[in-house]
Amino acid sequence: ATGKLLFETYCVVCHGSDGKGQGTLGASYPVGVPDISRAELAARKDGFFFMKISKGGPIMPSYGHATAPKERWLIIHYLRTLQGV
């Protein structure tokens, strides 16, 4: 439940509630926001997502300053439920 709440707080605006990249803000990005529920990303290790959340990426902001390490792991755990893992 905590992971879902954190996902809704930090991730939904871009990735959408289902993780498919169609959040309110995500839909406006010209290059698109990744569908984090797709099989290619579901195959990635948890550490990949931990680093993305911590450090950000080309269009993703860093949330390392806003979330504690434990919270990032909770987000990843919830993300895995969206991926069906």
C-alpha atoms as a PDB file:
ATOM      1  CA  ALA A   1       0.000   0.000   0.000  1.00  0.00           C
ATOM      2  CA  THR A   2       2.850   2.412   0.799  1.00  0.00           C
ATOM      3  CA  GLY A   3       4.561   1.664  -2.513  1.00  0.00           C
ATOM      4  CA  LYS A   4       1.328   2.409  -4.369  1.00  0.00           C
ATOM      5  CA  LEU A   5       0.922   5.704  -2.502  1.00  0.00           C
ATOM      6  CA  LEU A   6       4.507   6.697  -3.326  1.00  0.00           C
ATOM      7  CA  PHE A   7       4.036   5.681  -6.981  1.00  0.00           C
ATOM      8  CA  GLU A   8       0.891   7.820  -7.098  1.00  0.00           C
ATOM      9  CA  THR A   9       2.778  10.720  -5.535  1.00  0.00           C
ATOM     10  CA  TYR A  10       5.913  10.703  -7.689  1.00  0.00           C
ATOM     11  CA  CYS A  11       5.303   8.593 -10.805  1.00  0.00           C
ATOM     12  CA  VAL A  12       1.675   8.738 -11.937  1.00  0.00           C
ATOM     13  CA  VAL A  13       1.906  12.260 -13.330  1.00  0.00           C
ATOM     14  CA  CYS A  14       4.209  10.986 -16.099  1.00  0.00           C
ATOM     15  CA  HIS A  15       3.833   7.202 -16.191  1.00  0.00           C
ATOM     16  CA  GLY A  16       0.089   7.045 -15.506  1.00  0.00           C
ATOM     17  CA  SER A  17      -1.655   4.880 -12.936  1.00  0.00           C
ATOM     18  CA  ASP A  18      -1.077   1.768 -15.054  1.00  0.00           C
ATOM     19  CA  GLY A  19       2.578   2.586 -15.846  1.00  0.00           C
ATOM     20  CA  LYS A  20       1.950   2.846 -19.580  1.00  0.00           C
ATOM     21  CA  GLY A  21       3.357   6.394 -19.911  1.00  0.00           C
ATOM     22  CA  GLN A  22       0.090   8.223 -20.398  1.00  0.00           C
ATOM     23  CA  GLY A  23       0.016  10.340 -17.259  1.00  0.00           C
ATOM     24  CA  THR A  24      -1.164  13.941 -17.356  1.00  0.00           C
ATOM     25  CA  LEU A  25       2.327  15.328 -17.846  1.00  0.00           C
ATOM     26  CA  GLY A  26       3.768  12.295 -19.613  1.00  0.00           C
ATOM     27  CA  ALA A  27       1.356  12.569 -22.533  1.00  0.00           C
ATOM     28  CA  SER A  28       2.774  16.020 -23.333  1.00  0.00           C
ATOM     29  CA  TYR A  29       6.412  14.894 -23.760  1.00  0.00           C
ATOM     30  CA  PRO A  30       7.375  14.966 -27.445  1.00  0.00           C
ATOM     31  CA  VAL A  31       9.499  11.796 -27.177  1.00  0.00           C
ATOM     32  CA  GLY A  32       7.020   9.970 -24.973  1.00  0.00           C
ATOM     33  CA  VAL A  33       7.382   8.515 -21.521  1.00  0.00           C
ATOM     34  CA  PRO A  34       8.385   4.844 -21.361  1.00  0.00           C
ATOM     35  CA  ASP A  35       5.710   2.245 -20.746  1.00  0.00           C
ATOM     36  CA  ILE A  36       7.262   0.770 -17.617  1.00  0.00           C
ATOM     37  CA  SER A  37       4.866  -2.177 -17.703  1.00  0.00           C
ATOM     38  CA  ARG A  38       6.288  -3.613 -20.948  1.00  0.00           C
ATOM     39  CA  ALA A  39       8.193  -6.899 -20.965  1.00  0.00           C
ATOM     40  CA  GLU A  40      11.551  -5.327 -21.866  1.00  0.00           C
ATOM     41  CA  LEU A  41      11.529  -3.255 -18.687  1.00  0.00           C
ATOM     42  CA  ALA A  42       9.967  -5.999 -16.572  1.00  0.00           C
ATOM     43  CA  ALA A  43      13.082  -8.049 -17.398  1.00  0.00           C
ATOM     44  CA  ARG A  44      15.372  -5.376 -15.914  1.00  0.00           C
ATOM     45  CA  LYS A  45      16.855  -5.884 -12.453  1.00  0.00           C
ATOM     46  CA  ASP A  46      15.502  -3.961  -9.476  1.00  0.00           C
ATOM     47  CA  GLY A  47      18.775  -2.028  -9.266  1.00  0.00           C
ATOM     48  CA  PHE A  48      18.075  -0.499 -12.699  1.00  0.00           C
ATOM     49  CA  PHE A  49      14.886   1.067 -11.378  1.00  0.00           C
ATOM     50  CA  PHE A  50      16.521   2.066  -8.110  1.00  0.00           C
ATOM     51  CA  MET A  51      19.167   4.026 -10.027  1.00  0.00           C
ATOM     52  CA  LYS A  52      16.606   5.594 -12.388  1.00  0.00           C
ATOM     53  CA  ILE A  53      14.513   6.792  -9.465  1.00  0.00           C
ATOM     54  CA  SER A  54      17.611   7.971  -7.580  1.00  0.00           C
ATOM     55  CA  LYS A  55      19.504   9.683 -10.402  1.00  0.00           C
ATOM     56  CA  GLY A  56      16.893  10.248 -13.126  1.00  0.00           C
ATOM     57  CA  GLY A  57      17.434   9.851 -16.847  1.00  0.00           C
ATOM     58  CA  PRO A  58      17.349  11.820 -20.104  1.00  0.00           C
ATOM     59  CA  ILE A  59      13.788  13.057 -19.528  1.00  0.00           C
ATOM     60  CA  MET A  60      13.113  11.691 -16.052  1.00  0.00           C
ATOM     61  CA  PRO A  61      13.951  13.888 -13.082  1.00  0.00           C
ATOM     62  CA  SER A  62      15.876  12.533 -10.123  1.00  0.00           C
ATOM     63  CA  TYR A  63      13.855  11.642  -7.045  1.00  0.00           C
ATOM     64  CA  GLY A  64      16.826  10.695  -4.899  1.00  0.00           C
ATOM     65  CA  HIS A  65      16.518  13.981  -3.029  1.00  0.00           C
ATOM     66  CA  ALA A  66      12.793  13.507  -2.408  1.00  0.00           C
ATOM     67  CA  THR A  67      12.639   9.842  -1.425  1.00  0.00           C
ATOM     68  CA  ALA A  68      14.464   7.725   1.102  1.00  0.00           C
ATOM     69  CA  PRO A  69      16.133   4.547  -0.196  1.00  0.00           C
ATOM     70  CA  LYS A  70      13.456   2.408   1.507  1.00  0.00           C
ATOM     71  CA  GLU A  71      10.737   4.402  -0.260  1.00  0.00           C
ATOM     72  CA  ARG A  72      12.397   3.796  -3.641  1.00  0.00           C
ATOM     73  CA  TRP A  73      12.376   0.050  -2.975  1.00  0.00           C
ATOM     74  CA  LEU A  74       8.684   0.249  -2.072  1.00  0.00           C
ATOM     75  CA  ILE A  75       7.978   2.054  -5.360  1.00  0.00           C
ATOM     76  CA  ILE A  76       9.856  -0.686  -7.224  1.00  0.00           C
ATOM     77  CA  HIS A  77       7.880  -3.371  -5.421  1.00  0.00           C
ATOM     78  CA  TYR A  78       4.636  -1.710  -6.498  1.00  0.00           C
ATOM     79  CA  LEU A  79       5.966  -1.207 -10.028  1.00  0.00           C
ATOM     80  CA  ARG A  80       6.569  -4.953 -10.224  1.00  0.00           C
ATOM     81  CA  THR A  81       2.859  -5.522  -9.565  1.00  0.00           C
ATOM     82  CA  LEU A  82       2.040  -3.301 -12.558  1.00  0.00           C
ATOM     83  CA  GLN A  83       4.450  -5.379 -14.613  1.00  0.00           C
ATOM     84  CA  GLY A  84       2.810  -8.589 -13.488  1.00  0.00           C
ATOM     85  CA  VAL A  85       6.058  -9.793 -11.928  1.00  0.00           C
END
